[in-house]
Amino acid sequence: MARPEVRTSALAAAIGVSRQTLATWVTRELLPQPRRLHLGVHGSSSRFPGYSVELGQYVRQALRESPFVEVAREVAPLLAKDADWVDEQLAAGKPIKDLLRELGTPRT
């Protein structure tokens, strides 16, 4: 079962980064693309998959040790997966680090 999506402001707070940092990480393919909601005269809003909190926390730590390109290479296989599948794996107790290790390219 998919977890609830996360608003940009809540994701930034949970990871401890700014909204601009989130935008940079999405552009650099460290986080999934958010779903954009158009709210008419009220503007727009973005929602990230539920697993983005765990992934963002992992990315923040990984960037302390490795450059963007290495972290992006490591998370790419996870970002290619369906968000519901990732949420199911996390709900089953599998840590994000283990998922990344199983799916692909670990950092060197």
C-alpha atoms as a PDB file:
ATOM      1  CA  MET A   1       0.000   0.000   0.000  1.00  0.00           C
ATOM      2  CA  ALA A   2       1.391   3.369  -1.008  1.00  0.00           C
ATOM      3  CA  ARG A   3       2.215   5.821   1.687  1.00  0.00           C
ATOM      4  CA  PRO A   4       0.842   9.356   1.506  1.00  0.00           C
ATOM      5  CA  GLU A   5       2.650  11.802  -0.708  1.00  0.00           C
ATOM      6  CA  VAL A   6       4.754  14.487   0.971  1.00  0.00           C
ATOM      7  CA  ARG A   7       4.492  18.218   0.360  1.00  0.00           C
ATOM      8  CA  THR A   8       7.674  20.055  -0.574  1.00  0.00           C
ATOM      9  CA  SER A   9       7.785  22.051   2.672  1.00  0.00           C
ATOM     10  CA  ALA A  10       7.289  18.919   4.808  1.00  0.00           C
ATOM     11  CA  LEU A  11       9.978  17.044   2.872  1.00  0.00           C
ATOM     12  CA  ALA A  12      12.470  19.893   3.238  1.00  0.00           C
ATOM     13  CA  ALA A  13      11.792  20.048   6.986  1.00  0.00           C
ATOM     14  CA  ALA A  14      12.097  16.264   7.427  1.00  0.00           C
ATOM     15  CA  ILE A  15      15.453  16.187   5.641  1.00  0.00           C
ATOM     16  CA  GLY A  16      16.741  19.450   7.099  1.00  0.00           C
ATOM     17  CA  VAL A  17      17.376  21.238   3.796  1.00  0.00           C
ATOM     18  CA  SER A  18      15.860  24.195   1.971  1.00  0.00           C
ATOM     19  CA  ARG A  19      13.232  24.033  -0.746  1.00  0.00           C
ATOM     20  CA  GLN A  20      15.915  25.255  -3.165  1.00  0.00           C
ATOM     21  CA  THR A  21      18.135  22.322  -2.215  1.00  0.00           C
ATOM     22  CA  LEU A  22      15.248  19.944  -2.949  1.00  0.00           C
ATOM     23  CA  ALA A  23      14.816  21.556  -6.364  1.00  0.00           C
ATOM     24  CA  THR A  24      18.534  21.127  -7.048  1.00  0.00           C
ATOM     25  CA  TRP A  25      18.435  17.475  -5.966  1.00  0.00           C
ATOM     26  CA  VAL A  26      15.456  16.808  -8.262  1.00  0.00           C
ATOM     27  CA  THR A  27      17.280  18.487 -11.153  1.00  0.00           C
ATOM     28  CA  ARG A  28      20.413  16.462 -10.421  1.00  0.00           C
ATOM     29  CA  GLU A  29      18.303  13.274 -10.239  1.00  0.00           C
ATOM     30  CA  LEU A  30      18.933  12.573  -6.564  1.00  0.00           C
ATOM     31  CA  LEU A  31      15.212  12.653  -5.717  1.00  0.00           C
ATOM     32  CA  PRO A  32      12.146  11.665  -7.744  1.00  0.00           C
ATOM     33  CA  GLN A  33      10.212  14.202  -9.755  1.00  0.00           C
ATOM     34  CA  PRO A  34       7.301  15.522  -7.702  1.00  0.00           C
ATOM     35  CA  ARG A  35       3.724  15.367  -8.926  1.00  0.00           C
ATOM     36  CA  ARG A  36       2.619  18.917  -9.661  1.00  0.00           C
ATOM     37  CA  LEU A  37      -0.877  19.997  -8.734  1.00  0.00           C
ATOM     38  CA  HIS A  38      -2.412  23.042 -10.388  1.00  0.00           C
ATOM     39  CA  LEU A  39      -4.680  24.862  -7.971  1.00  0.00           C
ATOM     40  CA  GLY A  40      -6.163  27.422 -10.324  1.00  0.00           C
ATOM     41  CA  VAL A  41      -6.044  30.940  -8.908  1.00  0.00           C
ATOM     42  CA  HIS A  42      -4.283  29.547  -5.830  1.00  0.00           C
ATOM     43  CA  GLY A  43      -1.173  28.615  -7.818  1.00  0.00           C
ATOM     44  CA  SER A  44       0.371  25.186  -7.725  1.00  0.00           C
ATOM     45  CA  SER A  45       1.732  22.668  -5.282  1.00  0.00           C
ATOM     46  CA  SER A  46       4.095  19.706  -5.506  1.00  0.00           C
ATOM     47  CA  ARG A  47       3.857  16.299  -3.876  1.00  0.00           C
ATOM     48  CA  PHE A  48       6.707  13.806  -3.574  1.00  0.00           C
ATOM     49  CA  PRO A  49       6.329  10.037  -3.227  1.00  0.00           C
ATOM     50  CA  GLY A  50       6.179   8.858   0.391  1.00  0.00           C
ATOM     51  CA  TYR A  51       9.619   7.250   0.251  1.00  0.00           C
ATOM     52  CA  SER A  52      11.250  10.611  -0.530  1.00  0.00           C
ATOM     53  CA  VAL A  53      11.799  11.325   3.168  1.00  0.00           C
ATOM     54  CA  GLU A  54      14.004   8.246   3.664  1.00  0.00           C
ATOM     55  CA  LEU A  55      15.727   8.746   0.326  1.00  0.00           C
ATOM     56  CA  GLY A  56      16.350  12.428   1.039  1.00  0.00           C
ATOM     57  CA  GLN A  57      17.876  11.639   4.429  1.00  0.00           C
ATOM     58  CA  TYR A  58      20.100   9.062   2.766  1.00  0.00           C
ATOM     59  CA  VAL A  59      21.103  11.501  -0.003  1.00  0.00           C
ATOM     60  CA  ARG A  60      21.966  14.211   2.507  1.00  0.00           C
ATOM     61  CA  GLN A  61      24.337  11.868   4.336  1.00  0.00           C
ATOM     62  CA  ALA A  62      25.776  10.411   1.108  1.00  0.00           C
ATOM     63  CA  LEU A  63      26.616  13.875  -0.238  1.00  0.00           C
ATOM     64  CA  ARG A  64      28.838  14.446   2.792  1.00  0.00           C
ATOM     65  CA  GLU A  65      31.016  11.586   1.564  1.00  0.00           C
ATOM     66  CA  SER A  66      30.622  11.498  -2.232  1.00  0.00           C
ATOM     67  CA  PRO A  67      30.072  13.900  -5.151  1.00  0.00           C
ATOM     68  CA  PHE A  68      26.680  14.457  -6.773  1.00  0.00           C
ATOM     69  CA  VAL A  69      27.448  12.251  -9.757  1.00  0.00           C
ATOM     70  CA  GLU A  70      28.269   9.201  -7.613  1.00  0.00           C
ATOM     71  CA  VAL A  71      25.189   9.600  -5.434  1.00  0.00           C
ATOM     72  CA  ALA A  72      22.995  10.113  -8.526  1.00  0.00           C
ATOM     73  CA  ARG A  73      24.414   6.920 -10.056  1.00  0.00           C
ATOM     74  CA  GLU A  74      23.668   5.048  -6.845  1.00  0.00           C
ATOM     75  CA  VAL A  75      20.039   6.194  -6.531  1.00  0.00           C
ATOM     76  CA  ALA A  76      19.156   5.942 -10.251  1.00  0.00           C
ATOM     77  CA  PRO A  77      17.918   2.315 -10.089  1.00  0.00           C
ATOM     78  CA  LEU A  78      15.619   3.192  -7.181  1.00  0.00           C
ATOM     79  CA  LEU A  79      14.212   6.231  -8.980  1.00  0.00           C
ATOM     80  CA  ALA A  80      13.420   3.975 -11.958  1.00  0.00           C
ATOM     81  CA  LYS A  81      11.204   1.786  -9.750  1.00  0.00           C
ATOM     82  CA  ASP A  82       7.506   2.388  -9.174  1.00  0.00           C
ATOM     83  CA  ALA A  83       6.921   4.490  -6.035  1.00  0.00           C
ATOM     84  CA  ASP A  84       4.391   1.956  -4.690  1.00  0.00           C
ATOM     85  CA  TRP A  85       6.991  -0.823  -4.929  1.00  0.00           C
ATOM     86  CA  VAL A  86       9.551   1.268  -3.028  1.00  0.00           C
ATOM     87  CA  ASP A  87       6.994   2.133  -0.336  1.00  0.00           C
ATOM     88  CA  GLU A  88       6.073  -1.562   0.019  1.00  0.00           C
ATOM     89  CA  GLN A  89       9.720  -2.522   0.491  1.00  0.00           C
ATOM     90  CA  LEU A  90      10.190   0.147   3.159  1.00  0.00           C
ATOM     91  CA  ALA A  91       6.941  -0.860   4.881  1.00  0.00           C
ATOM     92  CA  ALA A  92       8.259  -4.437   5.015  1.00  0.00           C
ATOM     93  CA  GLY A  93      11.186  -3.142   7.065  1.00  0.00           C
ATOM     94  CA  LYS A  94      13.866  -2.945   4.409  1.00  0.00           C
ATOM     95  CA  PRO A  95      16.097   0.128   4.937  1.00  0.00           C
ATOM     96  CA  ILE A  96      16.696   2.446   1.978  1.00  0.00           C
ATOM     97  CA  LYS A  97      20.419   1.659   2.119  1.00  0.00           C
ATOM     98  CA  ASP A  98      19.701  -2.055   1.638  1.00  0.00           C
ATOM     99  CA  LEU A  99      17.337  -1.358  -1.263  1.00  0.00           C
ATOM    100  CA  LEU A 100      19.981   0.732  -2.990  1.00  0.00           C
ATOM    101  CA  ARG A 101      22.608  -1.956  -2.465  1.00  0.00           C
ATOM    102  CA  GLU A 102      20.328  -4.638  -3.924  1.00  0.00           C
ATOM    103  CA  LEU A 103      19.285  -2.566  -6.918  1.00  0.00           C
ATOM    104  CA  GLY A 104      22.501  -1.334  -8.302  1.00  0.00           C
ATOM    105  CA  THR A 105      25.624   0.671  -8.105  1.00  0.00           C
ATOM    106  CA  PRO A 106      27.014   1.299  -4.630  1.00  0.00           C
ATOM    107  CA  ARG A 107      29.215   4.318  -4.056  1.00  0.00           C
ATOM    108  CA  THR A 108      32.928   3.639  -4.302  1.00  0.00           C
END
